[in-house]
């Protein structure tokens, strides 16, 4: 990859300078075990399970029993969870809201693959249309980050 290309890492950048303790521990364990950096898909899987767990716990607390599937589904969007790439939640329209990472690429690093020379983060509300809004209308009026 050439230097200084905009390079996206979706919801997990394994070398995030200000990573949470959760991310640091996960990345270290993953790299020790598999001898490679984890991909963003690891964060999406973790996030989905964390959101499901939080939904089950909330629905169980609300009903006082093991919740039914619809009760769990209804509870998930109300839960904020900590994922590997940072905090996240599902909107009521079932769209994930997480933080996304990108930056300029570099090959000058200790790895045998490109990494980010700069790291920019964007929250979902900066990049995704609001629930219920027409995509094309949103695109006309949005102020997407440059």
Foldseek 3Di string as FASTA:
>chain_A
DDWFDKFWQFLDALVPPPFDPLLVVVQVVCCVVPVDGDGCVQQVVQVVVQLLVQLQVVLCVVVVHRDDPVSSVQRSQVDWDATNSGIWGAHNVRHIKGKIKIATWDPPDPDNDIHHPDIDIDTVVLPDDDPPDDPVVCVVPHDHDD
